[in-house]
C-alpha cells in the first residue's frame, strides 16, 4: 500500500520506491530506501511528517504515494 494509507505510529517497511529516476534518487537521498523502516508521525490533508533514520521529514501527498510499504 502507498505510504499515504499507513496508520500513524506504526513502523512500516519500505517495499518499493516508484516514480521517475530523479524522483527515486531524491527520495533515496532522504533515506527512503528499500528495506528501511518509516513511521508516520502525522498526516494532514495527505501531506505527511515521517520519522526515518532518526530524522523527521515532511513530504507531500504526491511523493508519499510513490513510496510503497
PDB file of N, CA and C in Angstrom:
ATOM      1  N   UNK A   1       0.849  -1.184   0.000  1.00  0.00           N
ATOM      2  CA  UNK A   1       0.000   0.000   0.000  1.00  0.00           C
ATOM      3  C   UNK A   1       0.889   1.240   0.000  1.00  0.00           C
ATOM      4  N   UNK A   2       0.419   2.346  -0.533  1.00  0.00           N
ATOM      5  CA  UNK A   2       1.219   3.573  -0.510  1.00  0.00           C
ATOM      6  C   UNK A   2       1.354   4.123   0.914  1.00  0.00           C
ATOM      7  N   UNK A   3       2.414   4.853   1.145  1.00  0.00           N
ATOM      8  CA  UNK A   3       2.681   5.405   2.470  1.00  0.00           C
ATOM      9  C   UNK A   3       1.549   6.312   2.944  1.00  0.00           C
ATOM     10  N   UNK A   4       0.807   6.909   2.013  1.00  0.00           N
ATOM     11  CA  UNK A   4      -0.294   7.798   2.387  1.00  0.00           C
ATOM     12  C   UNK A   4      -1.389   7.066   3.151  1.00  0.00           C
ATOM     13  N   UNK A   5      -1.494   5.734   3.007  1.00  0.00           N
ATOM     14  CA  UNK A   5      -2.521   4.949   3.682  1.00  0.00           C
ATOM     15  C   UNK A   5      -2.031   4.302   4.977  1.00  0.00           C
ATOM     16  N   UNK A   6      -0.762   4.482   5.315  1.00  0.00           N
ATOM     17  CA  UNK A   6      -0.209   3.875   6.533  1.00  0.00           C
ATOM     18  C   UNK A   6      -0.789   4.557   7.771  1.00  0.00           C
ATOM     19  N   UNK A   7      -0.967   3.774   8.834  1.00  0.00           N
ATOM     20  CA  UNK A   7      -1.505   4.319  10.075  1.00  0.00           C
ATOM     21  C   UNK A   7      -0.421   5.055  10.844  1.00  0.00           C
ATOM     22  N   UNK A   8      -0.842   6.065  11.567  1.00  0.00           N
ATOM     23  CA  UNK A   8       0.097   6.846  12.370  1.00  0.00           C
ATOM     24  C   UNK A   8       0.652   6.007  13.501  1.00  0.00           C
ATOM     25  N   UNK A   9       1.955   6.148  13.741  1.00  0.00           N
ATOM     26  CA  UNK A   9       2.605   5.477  14.857  1.00  0.00           C
ATOM     27  C   UNK A   9       3.080   4.066  14.584  1.00  0.00           C
ATOM     28  N   UNK A  10       2.671   3.466  13.467  1.00  0.00           N
ATOM     29  CA  UNK A  10       3.102   2.107  13.131  1.00  0.00           C
ATOM     30  C   UNK A  10       4.400   2.141  12.339  1.00  0.00           C
ATOM     31  N   UNK A  11       5.272   1.174  12.609  1.00  0.00           N
ATOM     32  CA  UNK A  11       6.504   1.043  11.840  1.00  0.00           C
ATOM     33  C   UNK A  11       6.193   0.273  10.566  1.00  0.00           C
ATOM     34  N   UNK A  12       6.574   0.841   9.430  1.00  0.00           N
ATOM     35  CA  UNK A  12       6.348   0.210   8.130  1.00  0.00           C
ATOM     36  C   UNK A  12       7.689  -0.003   7.439  1.00  0.00           C
ATOM     37  N   UNK A  13       7.791  -1.091   6.688  1.00  0.00           N
ATOM     38  CA  UNK A  13       8.998  -1.388   5.927  1.00  0.00           C
ATOM     39  C   UNK A  13       8.756  -0.986   4.468  1.00  0.00           C
ATOM     40  N   UNK A  14       9.707  -0.251   3.903  1.00  0.00           N
ATOM     41  CA  UNK A  14       9.580   0.214   2.520  1.00  0.00           C
ATOM     42  C   UNK A  14       9.828  -0.949   1.573  1.00  0.00           C
ATOM     43  N   UNK A  15       8.860  -1.227   0.729  1.00  0.00           N
ATOM     44  CA  UNK A  15       8.952  -2.332  -0.217  1.00  0.00           C
ATOM     45  C   UNK A  15       9.419  -1.867  -1.598  1.00  0.00           C
ATOM     46  N   UNK A  16       8.998  -0.652  -1.985  1.00  0.00           N
ATOM     47  CA  UNK A  16       9.329  -0.154  -3.327  1.00  0.00           C
ATOM     48  C   UNK A  16       9.228   1.361  -3.337  1.00  0.00           C
ATOM     49  N   UNK A  17      10.078   1.986  -4.137  1.00  0.00           N
ATOM     50  CA  UNK A  17      10.004   3.430  -4.357  1.00  0.00           C
ATOM     51  C   UNK A  17       9.773   3.629  -5.846  1.00  0.00           C
ATOM     52  N   UNK A  18       8.644   4.227  -6.187  1.00  0.00           N
ATOM     53  CA  UNK A  18       8.282   4.396  -7.590  1.00  0.00           C
ATOM     54  C   UNK A  18       8.597   5.793  -8.100  1.00  0.00           C
ATOM     55  N   UNK A  19       8.153   6.068  -9.307  1.00  0.00           N
ATOM     56  CA  UNK A  19       8.341   7.377  -9.913  1.00  0.00           C
ATOM     57  C   UNK A  19       9.479   7.390 -10.907  1.00  0.00           C
ATOM     58  N   UNK A  20       9.758   8.589 -11.421  1.00  0.00           N
ATOM     59  CA  UNK A  20      10.858   8.761 -12.369  1.00  0.00           C
ATOM     60  C   UNK A  20      12.187   8.546 -11.665  1.00  0.00           C
ATOM     61  N   UNK A  21      13.232   8.349 -12.430  1.00  0.00           N
ATOM     62  CA  UNK A  21      14.556   8.068 -11.867  1.00  0.00           C
ATOM     63  C   UNK A  21      15.039   9.181 -10.950  1.00  0.00           C
ATOM     64  N   UNK A  22      14.825  10.432 -11.336  1.00  0.00           N
ATOM     65  CA  UNK A  22      15.270  11.543 -10.492  1.00  0.00           C
ATOM     66  C   UNK A  22      14.467  11.609  -9.187  1.00  0.00           C
ATOM     67  N   UNK A  23      13.187  11.241  -9.241  1.00  0.00           N
ATOM     68  CA  UNK A  23      12.362  11.195  -8.027  1.00  0.00           C
ATOM     69  C   UNK A  23      12.857  10.109  -7.091  1.00  0.00           C
ATOM     70  N   UNK A  24      13.185   8.933  -7.650  1.00  0.00           N
ATOM     71  CA  UNK A  24      13.706   7.830  -6.841  1.00  0.00           C
ATOM     72  C   UNK A  24      15.002   8.244  -6.149  1.00  0.00           C
ATOM     73  N   UNK A  25      15.897   8.880  -6.892  1.00  0.00           N
ATOM     74  CA  UNK A  25      17.187   9.297  -6.326  1.00  0.00           C
ATOM     75  C   UNK A  25      16.987  10.334  -5.221  1.00  0.00           C
ATOM     76  N   UNK A  26      16.043  11.250  -5.411  1.00  0.00           N
ATOM     77  CA  UNK A  26      15.762  12.259  -4.393  1.00  0.00           C
ATOM     78  C   UNK A  26      15.249  11.607  -3.109  1.00  0.00           C
ATOM     79  N   UNK A  27      14.290  10.686  -3.261  1.00  0.00           N
ATOM     80  CA  UNK A  27      13.741  10.010  -2.088  1.00  0.00           C
ATOM     81  C   UNK A  27      14.789   9.146  -1.393  1.00  0.00           C
ATOM     82  N   UNK A  28      15.654   8.496  -2.181  1.00  0.00           N
ATOM     83  CA  UNK A  28      16.731   7.700  -1.586  1.00  0.00           C
ATOM     84  C   UNK A  28      17.710   8.584  -0.831  1.00  0.00           C
ATOM     85  N   UNK A  29      17.949   9.779  -1.318  1.00  0.00           N
ATOM     86  CA  UNK A  29      18.863  10.692  -0.611  1.00  0.00           C
ATOM     87  C   UNK A  29      18.275  11.150   0.723  1.00  0.00           C
ATOM     88  N   UNK A  30      16.946  11.131   0.834  1.00  0.00           N
ATOM     89  CA  UNK A  30      16.295  11.471   2.095  1.00  0.00           C
ATOM     90  C   UNK A  30      16.256  10.285   3.058  1.00  0.00           C
ATOM     91  N   UNK A  31      16.583   9.084   2.560  1.00  0.00           N
ATOM     92  CA  UNK A  31      16.599   7.897   3.414  1.00  0.00           C
ATOM     93  C   UNK A  31      15.526   6.875   3.099  1.00  0.00           C
ATOM     94  N   UNK A  32      14.714   7.130   2.085  1.00  0.00           N
ATOM     95  CA  UNK A  32      13.653   6.190   1.705  1.00  0.00           C
ATOM     96  C   UNK A  32      14.244   5.110   0.807  1.00  0.00           C
ATOM     97  N   UNK A  33      14.841   4.097   1.427  1.00  0.00           N
ATOM     98  CA  UNK A  33      15.453   3.008   0.672  1.00  0.00           C
ATOM     99  C   UNK A  33      14.689   1.714   0.949  1.00  0.00           C
ATOM    100  N   UNK A  34      14.719   0.795  -0.012  1.00  0.00           N
ATOM    101  CA  UNK A  34      14.009  -0.477   0.119  1.00  0.00           C
ATOM    102  C   UNK A  34      14.555  -1.227   1.332  1.00  0.00           C
ATOM    103  N   UNK A  35      13.650  -1.704   2.171  1.00  0.00           N
ATOM    104  CA  UNK A  35      14.030  -2.428   3.375  1.00  0.00           C
ATOM    105  C   UNK A  35      14.150  -1.533   4.598  1.00  0.00           C
ATOM    106  N   UNK A  36      14.129  -0.216   4.396  1.00  0.00           N
ATOM    107  CA  UNK A  36      14.211   0.715   5.509  1.00  0.00           C
ATOM    108  C   UNK A  36      12.873   0.841   6.218  1.00  0.00           C
ATOM    109  N   UNK A  37      12.919   1.286   7.464  1.00  0.00           N
ATOM    110  CA  UNK A  37      11.673   1.455   8.206  1.00  0.00           C
ATOM    111  C   UNK A  37      11.287   2.925   8.256  1.00  0.00           C
ATOM    112  N   UNK A  38       9.986   3.171   8.253  1.00  0.00           N
ATOM    113  CA  UNK A  38       9.448   4.523   8.281  1.00  0.00           C
ATOM    114  C   UNK A  38       8.216   4.535   9.188  1.00  0.00           C
ATOM    115  N   UNK A  39       8.089   5.589   9.984  1.00  0.00           N
ATOM    116  CA  UNK A  39       6.948   5.737  10.883  1.00  0.00           C
ATOM    117  C   UNK A  39       6.240   7.046  10.536  1.00  0.00           C
ATOM    118  N   UNK A  40       4.931   6.982  10.320  1.00  0.00           N
ATOM    119  CA  UNK A  40       4.152   8.187  10.046  1.00  0.00           C
ATOM    120  C   UNK A  40       3.858   8.868  11.389  1.00  0.00           C
ATOM    121  N   UNK A  41       4.333  10.102  11.539  1.00  0.00           N
ATOM    122  CA  UNK A  41       4.109  10.867  12.766  1.00  0.00           C
ATOM    123  C   UNK A  41       2.747  11.564  12.697  1.00  0.00           C
ATOM    124  N   UNK A  42       2.487  12.260  11.589  1.00  0.00           N
ATOM    125  CA  UNK A  42       1.182  12.899  11.416  1.00  0.00           C
ATOM    126  C   UNK A  42       0.862  13.032   9.937  1.00  0.00           C
ATOM    127  N   UNK A  43      -0.428  13.113   9.654  1.00  0.00           N
ATOM    128  CA  UNK A  43      -0.913  13.259   8.283  1.00  0.00           C
ATOM    129  C   UNK A  43      -1.978  14.348   8.270  1.00  0.00           C
ATOM    130  N   UNK A  44      -1.744  15.375   7.456  1.00  0.00           N
ATOM    131  CA  UNK A  44      -2.701  16.475   7.328  1.00  0.00           C
ATOM    132  C   UNK A  44      -2.966  16.685   5.843  1.00  0.00           C
ATOM    133  N   UNK A  45      -4.176  16.382   5.424  1.00  0.00           N
ATOM    134  CA  UNK A  45      -4.547  16.560   4.025  1.00  0.00           C
ATOM    135  C   UNK A  45      -3.731  15.722   3.061  1.00  0.00           C
ATOM    136  N   UNK A  46      -3.242  14.569   3.518  1.00  0.00           N
ATOM    137  CA  UNK A  46      -2.429  13.703   2.663  1.00  0.00           C
ATOM    138  C   UNK A  46      -0.951  13.997   2.755  1.00  0.00           C
ATOM    139  N   UNK A  47      -0.582  15.177   3.239  1.00  0.00           N
ATOM    140  CA  UNK A  47       0.830  15.504   3.440  1.00  0.00           C
ATOM    141  C   UNK A  47       1.279  14.866   4.752  1.00  0.00           C
ATOM    142  N   UNK A  48       2.487  14.315   4.757  1.00  0.00           N
ATOM    143  CA  UNK A  48       2.930  13.523   5.892  1.00  0.00           C
ATOM    144  C   UNK A  48       4.176  14.088   6.557  1.00  0.00           C
ATOM    145  N   UNK A  49       4.265  13.874   7.855  1.00  0.00           N
ATOM    146  CA  UNK A  49       5.513  14.040   8.587  1.00  0.00           C
ATOM    147  C   UNK A  49       5.892  12.643   9.030  1.00  0.00           C
ATOM    148  N   UNK A  50       7.071  12.203   8.607  1.00  0.00           N
ATOM    149  CA  UNK A  50       7.505  10.840   8.894  1.00  0.00           C
ATOM    150  C   UNK A  50       8.821  10.848   9.651  1.00  0.00           C
ATOM    151  N   UNK A  51       9.058   9.765  10.379  1.00  0.00           N
ATOM    152  CA  UNK A  51      10.313   9.565  11.081  1.00  0.00           C
ATOM    153  C   UNK A  51      11.061   8.479  10.331  1.00  0.00           C
ATOM    154  N   UNK A  52      12.228   8.836   9.785  1.00  0.00           N
ATOM    155  CA  UNK A  52      13.045   7.873   9.054  1.00  0.00           C
ATOM    156  C   UNK A  52      14.499   8.114   9.420  1.00  0.00           C
ATOM    157  N   UNK A  53      15.186   7.061   9.794  1.00  0.00           N
ATOM    158  CA  UNK A  53      16.596   7.146  10.210  1.00  0.00           C
ATOM    159  C   UNK A  53      16.804   8.209  11.284  1.00  0.00           C
ATOM    160  N   UNK A  54      15.973   8.210  12.291  1.00  0.00           N
ATOM    161  CA  UNK A  54      16.057   9.147  13.424  1.00  0.00           C
ATOM    162  C   UNK A  54      15.932  10.608  13.012  1.00  0.00           C
ATOM    163  N   UNK A  55      15.291  10.876  11.885  1.00  0.00           N
ATOM    164  CA  UNK A  55      15.037  12.250  11.430  1.00  0.00           C
ATOM    165  C   UNK A  55      13.568  12.390  11.072  1.00  0.00           C
ATOM    166  N   UNK A  56      13.043  13.583  11.281  1.00  0.00           N
ATOM    167  CA  UNK A  56      11.666  13.858  10.856  1.00  0.00           C
ATOM    168  C   UNK A  56      11.709  14.601   9.531  1.00  0.00           C
ATOM    169  N   UNK A  57      10.908  14.110   8.594  1.00  0.00           N
ATOM    170  CA  UNK A  57      10.878  14.682   7.251  1.00  0.00           C
ATOM    171  C   UNK A  57       9.421  14.907   6.859  1.00  0.00           C
ATOM    172  N   UNK A  58       9.146  16.064   6.282  1.00  0.00           N
ATOM    173  CA  UNK A  58       7.813  16.352   5.753  1.00  0.00           C
ATOM    174  C   UNK A  58       7.835  16.099   4.247  1.00  0.00           C
ATOM    175  N   UNK A  59       6.872  15.321   3.769  1.00  0.00           N
ATOM    176  CA  UNK A  59       6.762  15.072   2.329  1.00  0.00           C
ATOM    177  C   UNK A  59       5.321  15.266   1.891  1.00  0.00           C
ATOM    178  N   UNK A  60       5.176  15.680   0.649  1.00  0.00           N
ATOM    179  CA  UNK A  60       3.857  15.938   0.085  1.00  0.00           C
ATOM    180  C   UNK A  60       3.136  14.647  -0.282  1.00  0.00           C
ATOM    181  N   UNK A  61       1.856  14.800  -0.526  1.00  0.00           N
ATOM    182  CA  UNK A  61       0.994  13.663  -0.865  1.00  0.00           C
ATOM    183  C   UNK A  61       1.479  12.941  -2.119  1.00  0.00           C
ATOM    184  N   UNK A  62       1.901  13.705  -3.142  1.00  0.00           N
ATOM    185  CA  UNK A  62       2.329  13.085  -4.390  1.00  0.00           C
ATOM    186  C   UNK A  62       3.600  12.253  -4.211  1.00  0.00           C
ATOM    187  N   UNK A  63       4.546  12.736  -3.413  1.00  0.00           N
ATOM    188  CA  UNK A  63       5.772  11.979  -3.150  1.00  0.00           C
ATOM    189  C   UNK A  63       5.464  10.759  -2.285  1.00  0.00           C
ATOM    190  N   UNK A  64       4.633  10.929  -1.264  1.00  0.00           N
ATOM    191  CA  UNK A  64       4.297   9.832  -0.356  1.00  0.00           C
ATOM    192  C   UNK A  64       3.579   8.698  -1.089  1.00  0.00           C
ATOM    193  N   UNK A  65       2.804   9.037  -2.112  1.00  0.00           N
ATOM    194  CA  UNK A  65       2.075   7.992  -2.842  1.00  0.00           C
ATOM    195  C   UNK A  65       3.009   7.125  -3.685  1.00  0.00           C
ATOM    196  N   UNK A  66       4.239   7.579  -3.932  1.00  0.00           N
ATOM    197  CA  UNK A  66       5.215   6.809  -4.704  1.00  0.00           C
ATOM    198  C   UNK A  66       5.988   5.822  -3.831  1.00  0.00           C
ATOM    199  N   UNK A  67       5.840   5.944  -2.512  1.00  0.00           N
ATOM    200  CA  UNK A  67       6.553   5.065  -1.585  1.00  0.00           C
ATOM    201  C   UNK A  67       5.586   3.951  -1.165  1.00  0.00           C
ATOM    202  N   UNK A  68       5.938   2.712  -1.505  1.00  0.00           N
ATOM    203  CA  UNK A  68       5.082   1.557  -1.214  1.00  0.00           C
ATOM    204  C   UNK A  68       5.637   0.834   0.015  1.00  0.00           C
ATOM    205  N   UNK A  69       4.743   0.620   0.996  1.00  0.00           N
ATOM    206  CA  UNK A  69       5.151  -0.073   2.239  1.00  0.00           C
ATOM    207  C   UNK A  69       4.390  -1.372   2.383  1.00  0.00           C
TER     208      UNK A  69
END
